[in-house]
Amino acid sequence: MKAYEKIDPEIRKRFENMRSLAFKHGALSSKIKTLIAMALDASHGSEEGVRALAHSETKAGATREEIGEALIVALYVCGVGSAYTAAHALKQSF
């Protein structure tokens, strides 16, 4: 984000506003939304995204089982690549 801040100083504020909107508690809890985001990161090959979201969810009270189930959905829908991404991302954590 720092590189984008040099281009447009308002970009971080816009990004944070979008993040707040996306993850605010509504019909789905913030935890469920974050687990969805983590599964999407796994499906897109983003190890850092999986790692960061799993870490923040663990600190917020998500269980390993909940994280694992979200990643199994990614495996089912998106294939084995998501499982490899998640495994690499979480090998230090779990």
PDB file of N, CA and C in Angstrom:
ATOM      1  N   MET A   1       0.819  -1.193   0.000  1.00  0.00           N
ATOM      2  CA  MET A   1       0.000   0.000   0.000  1.00  0.00           C
ATOM      3  C   MET A   1       0.863   1.258   0.000  1.00  0.00           C
ATOM      4  N   LYS A   2       2.069   1.173   0.532  1.00  0.00           N
ATOM      5  CA  LYS A   2       2.909   2.369   0.600  1.00  0.00           C
ATOM      6  C   LYS A   2       3.239   2.899  -0.782  1.00  0.00           C
ATOM      7  N   ALA A   3       3.465   2.006  -1.725  1.00  0.00           N
ATOM      8  CA  ALA A   3       3.748   2.457  -3.089  1.00  0.00           C
ATOM      9  C   ALA A   3       2.542   3.198  -3.667  1.00  0.00           C
ATOM     10  N   TYR A   4       1.343   2.696  -3.412  1.00  0.00           N
ATOM     11  CA  TYR A   4       0.145   3.361  -3.895  1.00  0.00           C
ATOM     12  C   TYR A   4      -0.094   4.696  -3.201  1.00  0.00           C
ATOM     13  N   GLU A   5       0.290   4.789  -1.932  1.00  0.00           N
ATOM     14  CA  GLU A   5       0.126   6.044  -1.199  1.00  0.00           C
ATOM     15  C   GLU A   5       0.932   7.164  -1.840  1.00  0.00           C
ATOM     16  N   LYS A   6       2.087   6.829  -2.426  1.00  0.00           N
ATOM     17  CA  LYS A   6       2.894   7.839  -3.119  1.00  0.00           C
ATOM     18  C   LYS A   6       2.193   8.339  -4.370  1.00  0.00           C
ATOM     19  N   ILE A   7       1.459   7.478  -5.025  1.00  0.00           N
ATOM     20  CA  ILE A   7       0.733   7.855  -6.233  1.00  0.00           C
ATOM     21  C   ILE A   7      -0.513   8.652  -5.875  1.00  0.00           C
ATOM     22  N   ASP A   8      -1.236   8.172  -4.870  1.00  0.00           N
ATOM     23  CA  ASP A   8      -2.496   8.810  -4.457  1.00  0.00           C
ATOM     24  C   ASP A   8      -2.613   8.693  -2.945  1.00  0.00           C
ATOM     25  N   PRO A   9      -2.378   9.788  -2.217  1.00  0.00           N
ATOM     26  CA  PRO A   9      -2.405   9.735  -0.747  1.00  0.00           C
ATOM     27  C   PRO A   9      -3.733   9.258  -0.163  1.00  0.00           C
ATOM     28  N   GLU A  10      -4.803   9.334  -0.904  1.00  0.00           N
ATOM     29  CA  GLU A  10      -6.107   8.915  -0.405  1.00  0.00           C
ATOM     30  C   GLU A  10      -6.363   7.417  -0.589  1.00  0.00           C
ATOM     31  N   ILE A  11      -5.467   6.747  -1.288  1.00  0.00           N
ATOM     32  CA  ILE A  11      -5.725   5.348  -1.648  1.00  0.00           C
ATOM     33  C   ILE A  11      -5.866   4.459  -0.425  1.00  0.00           C
ATOM     34  N   ARG A  12      -5.037   4.673   0.594  1.00  0.00           N
ATOM     35  CA  ARG A  12      -5.133   3.830   1.794  1.00  0.00           C
ATOM     36  C   ARG A  12      -6.477   4.021   2.473  1.00  0.00           C
ATOM     37  N   LYS A  13      -6.950   5.240   2.548  1.00  0.00           N
ATOM     38  CA  LYS A  13      -8.251   5.508   3.159  1.00  0.00           C
ATOM     39  C   LYS A  13      -9.364   4.816   2.362  1.00  0.00           C
ATOM     40  N   ARG A  14      -9.290   4.891   1.064  1.00  0.00           N
ATOM     41  CA  ARG A  14     -10.295   4.229   0.220  1.00  0.00           C
ATOM     42  C   ARG A  14     -10.267   2.717   0.410  1.00  0.00           C
ATOM     43  N   PHE A  15      -9.056   2.170   0.466  1.00  0.00           N
ATOM     44  CA  PHE A  15      -8.897   0.736   0.663  1.00  0.00           C
ATOM     45  C   PHE A  15      -9.469   0.315   2.017  1.00  0.00           C
ATOM     46  N   GLU A  16      -9.145   1.053   3.059  1.00  0.00           N
ATOM     47  CA  GLU A  16      -9.645   0.730   4.395  1.00  0.00           C
ATOM     48  C   GLU A  16     -11.165   0.856   4.462  1.00  0.00           C
ATOM     49  N   ASN A  17     -11.731   1.834   3.782  1.00  0.00           N
ATOM     50  CA  ASN A  17     -13.191   1.966   3.741  1.00  0.00           C
ATOM     51  C   ASN A  17     -13.824   0.744   3.074  1.00  0.00           C
ATOM     52  N   MET A  18     -13.231   0.280   1.985  1.00  0.00           N
ATOM     53  CA  MET A  18     -13.751  -0.897   1.288  1.00  0.00           C
ATOM     54  C   MET A  18     -13.601  -2.139   2.165  1.00  0.00           C
ATOM     55  N   ARG A  19     -12.465  -2.256   2.848  1.00  0.00           N
ATOM     56  CA  ARG A  19     -12.239  -3.392   3.743  1.00  0.00           C
ATOM     57  C   ARG A  19     -13.271  -3.398   4.864  1.00  0.00           C
ATOM     58  N   SER A  20     -13.527  -2.246   5.444  1.00  0.00           N
ATOM     59  CA  SER A  20     -14.531  -2.149   6.518  1.00  0.00           C
ATOM     60  C   SER A  20     -15.902  -2.566   6.021  1.00  0.00           C
ATOM     61  N   LEU A  21     -16.246  -2.123   4.826  1.00  0.00           N
ATOM     62  CA  LEU A  21     -17.536  -2.484   4.247  1.00  0.00           C
ATOM     63  C   LEU A  21     -17.617  -3.991   3.997  1.00  0.00           C
ATOM     64  N   ALA A  22     -16.574  -4.551   3.441  1.00  0.00           N
ATOM     65  CA  ALA A  22     -16.576  -5.974   3.087  1.00  0.00           C
ATOM     66  C   ALA A  22     -16.636  -6.884   4.310  1.00  0.00           C
ATOM     67  N   PHE A  23     -15.952  -6.513   5.385  1.00  0.00           N
ATOM     68  CA  PHE A  23     -15.816  -7.406   6.525  1.00  0.00           C
ATOM     69  C   PHE A  23     -16.693  -7.057   7.719  1.00  0.00           C
ATOM     70  N   LYS A  24     -17.539  -6.040   7.595  1.00  0.00           N
ATOM     71  CA  LYS A  24     -18.371  -5.691   8.744  1.00  0.00           C
ATOM     72  C   LYS A  24     -19.394  -6.797   9.002  1.00  0.00           C
ATOM     73  N   HIS A  25     -19.750  -6.935  10.266  1.00  0.00           N
ATOM     74  CA  HIS A  25     -20.725  -7.949  10.664  1.00  0.00           C
ATOM     75  C   HIS A  25     -22.084  -7.594  10.076  1.00  0.00           C
ATOM     76  N   GLY A  26     -22.697  -8.554   9.434  1.00  0.00           N
ATOM     77  CA  GLY A  26     -24.024  -8.379   8.846  1.00  0.00           C
ATOM     78  C   GLY A  26     -24.735  -9.722   8.888  1.00  0.00           C
ATOM     79  N   ALA A  27     -25.356 -10.100   7.785  1.00  0.00           N
ATOM     80  CA  ALA A  27     -25.993 -11.413   7.706  1.00  0.00           C
ATOM     81  C   ALA A  27     -24.951 -12.512   7.914  1.00  0.00           C
ATOM     82  N   LEU A  28     -23.723 -12.248   7.457  1.00  0.00           N
ATOM     83  CA  LEU A  28     -22.594 -13.143   7.730  1.00  0.00           C
ATOM     84  C   LEU A  28     -21.704 -12.472   8.757  1.00  0.00           C
ATOM     85  N   SER A  29     -21.168 -13.253   9.664  1.00  0.00           N
ATOM     86  CA  SER A  29     -20.263 -12.694  10.664  1.00  0.00           C
ATOM     87  C   SER A  29     -18.942 -12.296  10.008  1.00  0.00           C
ATOM     88  N   SER A  30     -18.224 -11.436  10.682  1.00  0.00           N
ATOM     89  CA  SER A  30     -16.895 -11.035  10.200  1.00  0.00           C
ATOM     90  C   SER A  30     -15.981 -12.247  10.070  1.00  0.00           C
ATOM     91  N   LYS A  31     -16.111 -13.194  10.998  1.00  0.00           N
ATOM     92  CA  LYS A  31     -15.281 -14.405  10.955  1.00  0.00           C
ATOM     93  C   LYS A  31     -15.557 -15.205   9.692  1.00  0.00           C
ATOM     94  N   ILE A  32     -16.817 -15.412   9.364  1.00  0.00           N
ATOM     95  CA  ILE A  32     -17.157 -16.173   8.164  1.00  0.00           C
ATOM     96  C   ILE A  32     -16.642 -15.458   6.924  1.00  0.00           C
ATOM     97  N   LYS A  33     -16.793 -14.142   6.876  1.00  0.00           N
ATOM     98  CA  LYS A  33     -16.314 -13.373   5.726  1.00  0.00           C
ATOM     99  C   LYS A  33     -14.799 -13.492   5.587  1.00  0.00           C
ATOM    100  N   THR A  34     -14.083 -13.479   6.696  1.00  0.00           N
ATOM    101  CA  THR A  34     -12.634 -13.609   6.639  1.00  0.00           C
ATOM    102  C   THR A  34     -12.231 -15.011   6.207  1.00  0.00           C
ATOM    103  N   LEU A  35     -12.945 -16.027   6.666  1.00  0.00           N
ATOM    104  CA  LEU A  35     -12.663 -17.394   6.223  1.00  0.00           C
ATOM    105  C   LEU A  35     -12.923 -17.546   4.721  1.00  0.00           C
ATOM    106  N   ILE A  36     -13.958 -16.887   4.217  1.00  0.00           N
ATOM    107  CA  ILE A  36     -14.219 -16.891   2.769  1.00  0.00           C
ATOM    108  C   ILE A  36     -13.057 -16.238   2.033  1.00  0.00           C
ATOM    109  N   ALA A  37     -12.617 -15.087   2.531  1.00  0.00           N
ATOM    110  CA  ALA A  37     -11.493 -14.387   1.896  1.00  0.00           C
ATOM    111  C   ALA A  37     -10.237 -15.258   1.889  1.00  0.00           C
ATOM    112  N   MET A  38      -9.996 -15.967   2.991  1.00  0.00           N
ATOM    113  CA  MET A  38      -8.832 -16.845   3.069  1.00  0.00           C
ATOM    114  C   MET A  38      -8.933 -17.962   2.023  1.00  0.00           C
ATOM    115  N   ALA A  39     -10.120 -18.545   1.885  1.00  0.00           N
ATOM    116  CA  ALA A  39     -10.318 -19.599   0.884  1.00  0.00           C
ATOM    117  C   ALA A  39     -10.113 -19.052  -0.530  1.00  0.00           C
ATOM    118  N   LEU A  40     -10.581 -17.835  -0.765  1.00  0.00           N
ATOM    119  CA  LEU A  40     -10.366 -17.205  -2.072  1.00  0.00           C
ATOM    120  C   LEU A  40      -8.884 -16.955  -2.325  1.00  0.00           C
ATOM    121  N   ASP A  41      -8.163 -16.500  -1.310  1.00  0.00           N
ATOM    122  CA  ASP A  41      -6.720 -16.316  -1.466  1.00  0.00           C
ATOM    123  C   ASP A  41      -6.043 -17.637  -1.798  1.00  0.00           C
ATOM    124  N   ALA A  42      -6.454 -18.712  -1.135  1.00  0.00           N
ATOM    125  CA  ALA A  42      -5.880 -20.029  -1.438  1.00  0.00           C
ATOM    126  C   ALA A  42      -6.152 -20.411  -2.889  1.00  0.00           C
ATOM    127  N   SER A  43      -7.365 -20.138  -3.347  1.00  0.00           N
ATOM    128  CA  SER A  43      -7.722 -20.501  -4.719  1.00  0.00           C
ATOM    129  C   SER A  43      -6.985 -19.669  -5.758  1.00  0.00           C
ATOM    130  N   HIS A  44      -6.520 -18.472  -5.353  1.00  0.00           N
ATOM    131  CA  HIS A  44      -5.784 -17.601  -6.267  1.00  0.00           C
ATOM    132  C   HIS A  44      -4.271 -17.694  -6.094  1.00  0.00           C
ATOM    133  N   GLY A  45      -3.814 -18.619  -5.251  1.00  0.00           N
ATOM    134  CA  GLY A  45      -2.384 -18.835  -5.095  1.00  0.00           C
ATOM    135  C   GLY A  45      -1.680 -17.817  -4.216  1.00  0.00           C
ATOM    136  N   SER A  46      -2.405 -17.117  -3.375  1.00  0.00           N
ATOM    137  CA  SER A  46      -1.812 -16.091  -2.517  1.00  0.00           C
ATOM    138  C   SER A  46      -1.452 -16.656  -1.143  1.00  0.00           C
ATOM    139  N   GLU A  47      -0.239 -17.180  -1.044  1.00  0.00           N
ATOM    140  CA  GLU A  47       0.216 -17.737   0.230  1.00  0.00           C
ATOM    141  C   GLU A  47       0.190 -16.685   1.324  1.00  0.00           C
ATOM    142  N   GLU A  48       0.667 -15.480   1.034  1.00  0.00           N
ATOM    143  CA  GLU A  48       0.711 -14.426   2.048  1.00  0.00           C
ATOM    144  C   GLU A  48      -0.692 -14.067   2.514  1.00  0.00           C
ATOM    145  N   GLY A  49      -1.658 -14.050   1.608  1.00  0.00           N
ATOM    146  CA  GLY A  49      -3.037 -13.774   1.995  1.00  0.00           C
ATOM    147  C   GLY A  49      -3.590 -14.845   2.917  1.00  0.00           C
ATOM    148  N   VAL A  50      -3.360 -16.096   2.582  1.00  0.00           N
ATOM    149  CA  VAL A  50      -3.810 -17.208   3.431  1.00  0.00           C
ATOM    150  C   VAL A  50      -3.162 -17.100   4.805  1.00  0.00           C
ATOM    151  N   ARG A  51      -1.857 -16.881   4.819  1.00  0.00           N
ATOM    152  CA  ARG A  51      -1.117 -16.806   6.077  1.00  0.00           C
ATOM    153  C   ARG A  51      -1.637 -15.661   6.952  1.00  0.00           C
ATOM    154  N   ALA A  52      -1.787 -14.483   6.376  1.00  0.00           N
ATOM    155  CA  ALA A  52      -2.217 -13.314   7.141  1.00  0.00           C
ATOM    156  C   ALA A  52      -3.641 -13.480   7.668  1.00  0.00           C
ATOM    157  N   LEU A  53      -4.539 -13.964   6.827  1.00  0.00           N
ATOM    158  CA  LEU A  53      -5.928 -14.116   7.260  1.00  0.00           C
ATOM    159  C   LEU A  53      -6.081 -15.241   8.277  1.00  0.00           C
ATOM    160  N   ALA A  54      -5.382 -16.342   8.095  1.00  0.00           N
ATOM    161  CA  ALA A  54      -5.446 -17.428   9.075  1.00  0.00           C
ATOM    162  C   ALA A  54      -4.895 -16.954  10.412  1.00  0.00           C
ATOM    163  N   HIS A  55      -3.811 -16.209  10.376  1.00  0.00           N
ATOM    164  CA  HIS A  55      -3.213 -15.694  11.609  1.00  0.00           C
ATOM    165  C   HIS A  55      -4.182 -14.745  12.325  1.00  0.00           C
ATOM    166  N   SER A  56      -4.771 -13.820  11.591  1.00  0.00           N
ATOM    167  CA  SER A  56      -5.688 -12.869  12.236  1.00  0.00           C
ATOM    168  C   SER A  56      -6.931 -13.576  12.757  1.00  0.00           C
ATOM    169  N   GLU A  57      -7.417 -14.567  12.045  1.00  0.00           N
ATOM    170  CA  GLU A  57      -8.603 -15.295  12.505  1.00  0.00           C
ATOM    171  C   GLU A  57      -8.294 -16.158  13.725  1.00  0.00           C
ATOM    172  N   THR A  58      -7.116 -16.739  13.767  1.00  0.00           N
ATOM    173  CA  THR A  58      -6.723 -17.521  14.935  1.00  0.00           C
ATOM    174  C   THR A  58      -6.662 -16.622  16.170  1.00  0.00           C
ATOM    175  N   LYS A  59      -6.087 -15.433  16.004  1.00  0.00           N
ATOM    176  CA  LYS A  59      -6.025 -14.485  17.126  1.00  0.00           C
ATOM    177  C   LYS A  59      -7.417 -14.021  17.540  1.00  0.00           C
ATOM    178  N   ALA A  60      -8.360 -13.996  16.582  1.00  0.00           N
ATOM    179  CA  ALA A  60      -9.728 -13.561  16.877  1.00  0.00           C
ATOM    180  C   ALA A  60     -10.608 -14.696  17.391  1.00  0.00           C
ATOM    181  N   GLY A  61     -10.045 -15.910  17.482  1.00  0.00           N
ATOM    182  CA  GLY A  61     -10.791 -17.009  18.067  1.00  0.00           C
ATOM    183  C   GLY A  61     -11.214 -18.122  17.134  1.00  0.00           C
ATOM    184  N   ALA A  62     -10.893 -18.025  15.859  1.00  0.00           N
ATOM    185  CA  ALA A  62     -11.228 -19.116  14.936  1.00  0.00           C
ATOM    186  C   ALA A  62     -10.395 -20.339  15.286  1.00  0.00           C
ATOM    187  N   THR A  63     -10.985 -21.491  15.142  1.00  0.00           N
ATOM    188  CA  THR A  63     -10.282 -22.737  15.441  1.00  0.00           C
ATOM    189  C   THR A  63      -9.558 -23.254  14.208  1.00  0.00           C
ATOM    190  N   ARG A  64      -8.633 -24.133  14.441  1.00  0.00           N
ATOM    191  CA  ARG A  64      -7.953 -24.801  13.323  1.00  0.00           C
ATOM    192  C   ARG A  64      -8.956 -25.558  12.467  1.00  0.00           C
ATOM    193  N   GLU A  65      -9.958 -26.115  13.124  1.00  0.00           N
ATOM    194  CA  GLU A  65     -10.976 -26.877  12.392  1.00  0.00           C
ATOM    195  C   GLU A  65     -11.762 -25.971  11.444  1.00  0.00           C
ATOM    196  N   GLU A  66     -12.107 -24.774  11.904  1.00  0.00           N
ATOM    197  CA  GLU A  66     -12.836 -23.834  11.039  1.00  0.00           C
ATOM    198  C   GLU A  66     -11.971 -23.408   9.849  1.00  0.00           C
ATOM    199  N   ILE A  67     -10.717 -23.131  10.113  1.00  0.00           N
ATOM    200  CA  ILE A  67      -9.795 -22.759   9.035  1.00  0.00           C
ATOM    201  C   ILE A  67      -9.648 -23.926   8.060  1.00  0.00           C
ATOM    202  N   GLY A  68      -9.477 -25.122   8.602  1.00  0.00           N
ATOM    203  CA  GLY A  68      -9.353 -26.306   7.755  1.00  0.00           C
ATOM    204  C   GLY A  68     -10.576 -26.546   6.891  1.00  0.00           C
ATOM    205  N   GLU A  69     -11.760 -26.397   7.450  1.00  0.00           N
ATOM    206  CA  GLU A  69     -12.983 -26.613   6.678  1.00  0.00           C
ATOM    207  C   GLU A  69     -13.131 -25.582   5.562  1.00  0.00           C
ATOM    208  N   ALA A  70     -12.781 -24.339   5.837  1.00  0.00           N
ATOM    209  CA  ALA A  70     -12.842 -23.314   4.789  1.00  0.00           C
ATOM    210  C   ALA A  70     -11.893 -23.670   3.645  1.00  0.00           C
ATOM    211  N   LEU A  71     -10.723 -24.183   3.999  1.00  0.00           N
ATOM    212  CA  LEU A  71      -9.753 -24.546   2.967  1.00  0.00           C
ATOM    213  C   LEU A  71     -10.160 -25.803   2.211  1.00  0.00           C
ATOM    214  N   ILE A  72     -10.898 -26.699   2.844  1.00  0.00           N
ATOM    215  CA  ILE A  72     -11.414 -27.869   2.134  1.00  0.00           C
ATOM    216  C   ILE A  72     -12.433 -27.444   1.080  1.00  0.00           C
ATOM    217  N   VAL A  73     -13.227 -26.432   1.384  1.00  0.00           N
ATOM    218  CA  VAL A  73     -14.169 -25.906   0.386  1.00  0.00           C
ATOM    219  C   VAL A  73     -13.386 -25.363  -0.814  1.00  0.00           C
ATOM    220  N   ALA A  74     -12.305 -24.619  -0.554  1.00  0.00           N
ATOM    221  CA  ALA A  74     -11.478 -24.107  -1.647  1.00  0.00           C
ATOM    222  C   ALA A  74     -10.909 -25.249  -2.478  1.00  0.00           C
ATOM    223  N   LEU A  75     -10.453 -26.306  -1.821  1.00  0.00           N
ATOM    224  CA  LEU A  75      -9.934 -27.480  -2.526  1.00  0.00           C
ATOM    225  C   LEU A  75     -11.015 -28.095  -3.417  1.00  0.00           C
ATOM    226  N   TYR A  76     -12.207 -28.256  -2.872  1.00  0.00           N
ATOM    227  CA  TYR A  76     -13.296 -28.865  -3.623  1.00  0.00           C
ATOM    228  C   TYR A  76     -13.681 -28.019  -4.844  1.00  0.00           C
ATOM    229  N   VAL A  77     -13.812 -26.719  -4.643  1.00  0.00           N
ATOM    230  CA  VAL A  77     -14.293 -25.850  -5.714  1.00  0.00           C
ATOM    231  C   VAL A  77     -13.185 -25.510  -6.716  1.00  0.00           C
ATOM    232  N   CYS A  78     -11.963 -25.294  -6.214  1.00  0.00           N
ATOM    233  CA  CYS A  78     -10.904 -24.745  -7.066  1.00  0.00           C
ATOM    234  C   CYS A  78      -9.769 -25.707  -7.379  1.00  0.00           C
ATOM    235  N   GLY A  79      -9.737 -26.837  -6.727  1.00  0.00           N
ATOM    236  CA  GLY A  79      -8.733 -27.832  -7.057  1.00  0.00           C
ATOM    237  C   GLY A  79      -7.531 -27.859  -6.145  1.00  0.00           C
ATOM    238  N   VAL A  80      -6.645 -28.769  -6.478  1.00  0.00           N
ATOM    239  CA  VAL A  80      -5.512 -29.089  -5.622  1.00  0.00           C
ATOM    240  C   VAL A  80      -4.531 -27.927  -5.471  1.00  0.00           C
ATOM    241  N   GLY A  81      -4.490 -27.013  -6.422  1.00  0.00           N
ATOM    242  CA  GLY A  81      -3.592 -25.863  -6.306  1.00  0.00           C
ATOM    243  C   GLY A  81      -3.862 -25.063  -5.045  1.00  0.00           C
ATOM    244  N   SER A  82      -5.129 -24.946  -4.684  1.00  0.00           N
ATOM    245  CA  SER A  82      -5.464 -24.202  -3.464  1.00  0.00           C
ATOM    246  C   SER A  82      -4.949 -24.930  -2.227  1.00  0.00           C
ATOM    247  N   ALA A  83      -4.952 -26.249  -2.268  1.00  0.00           N
ATOM    248  CA  ALA A  83      -4.436 -27.025  -1.133  1.00  0.00           C
ATOM    249  C   ALA A  83      -2.932 -26.836  -0.993  1.00  0.00           C
ATOM    250  N   TYR A  84      -2.204 -26.814  -2.103  1.00  0.00           N
ATOM    251  CA  TYR A  84      -0.763 -26.583  -2.049  1.00  0.00           C
ATOM    252  C   TYR A  84      -0.463 -25.186  -1.518  1.00  0.00           C
ATOM    253  N   THR A  85      -1.216 -24.205  -1.996  1.00  0.00           N
ATOM    254  CA  THR A  85      -1.021 -22.827  -1.517  1.00  0.00           C
ATOM    255  C   THR A  85      -1.234 -22.754  -0.017  1.00  0.00           C
ATOM    256  N   ALA A  86      -2.331 -23.322   0.462  1.00  0.00           N
ATOM    257  CA  ALA A  86      -2.646 -23.287   1.890  1.00  0.00           C
ATOM    258  C   ALA A  86      -1.593 -24.046   2.692  1.00  0.00           C
ATOM    259  N   ALA A  87      -1.163 -25.184   2.199  1.00  0.00           N
ATOM    260  CA  ALA A  87      -0.162 -25.983   2.914  1.00  0.00           C
ATOM    261  C   ALA A  87       1.138 -25.205   3.066  1.00  0.00           C
ATOM    262  N   HIS A  88       1.579 -24.550   2.002  1.00  0.00           N
ATOM    263  CA  HIS A  88       2.802 -23.763   2.077  1.00  0.00           C
ATOM    264  C   HIS A  88       2.622 -22.571   3.005  1.00  0.00           C
ATOM    265  N   ALA A  89       1.467 -21.951   2.938  1.00  0.00           N
ATOM    266  CA  ALA A  89       1.204 -20.765   3.762  1.00  0.00           C
ATOM    267  C   ALA A  89       1.168 -21.101   5.247  1.00  0.00           C
ATOM    268  N   LEU A  90       0.636 -22.263   5.577  1.00  0.00           N
ATOM    269  CA  LEU A  90       0.387 -22.598   6.970  1.00  0.00           C
ATOM    270  C   LEU A  90       1.381 -23.584   7.567  1.00  0.00           C
ATOM    271  N   LYS A  91       2.398 -23.986   6.821  1.00  0.00           N
ATOM    272  CA  LYS A  91       3.314 -25.006   7.329  1.00  0.00           C
ATOM    273  C   LYS A  91       4.022 -24.581   8.609  1.00  0.00           C
ATOM    274  N   GLN A  92       4.258 -23.303   8.811  1.00  0.00           N
ATOM    275  CA  GLN A  92       4.888 -22.833  10.038  1.00  0.00           C
ATOM    276  C   GLN A  92       3.877 -22.696  11.187  1.00  0.00           C
ATOM    277  N   SER A  93       2.612 -22.444  10.846  1.00  0.00           N
ATOM    278  CA  SER A  93       1.594 -22.146  11.853  1.00  0.00           C
ATOM    279  C   SER A  93       0.950 -23.374  12.456  1.00  0.00           C
ATOM    280  N   PHE A  94       0.704 -24.383  11.632  1.00  0.00           N
ATOM    281  CA  PHE A  94      -0.065 -25.528  12.109  1.00  0.00           C
ATOM    282  C   PHE A  94       0.774 -26.779  12.071  1.00  0.00           C
TER     283      PHE A  94
END
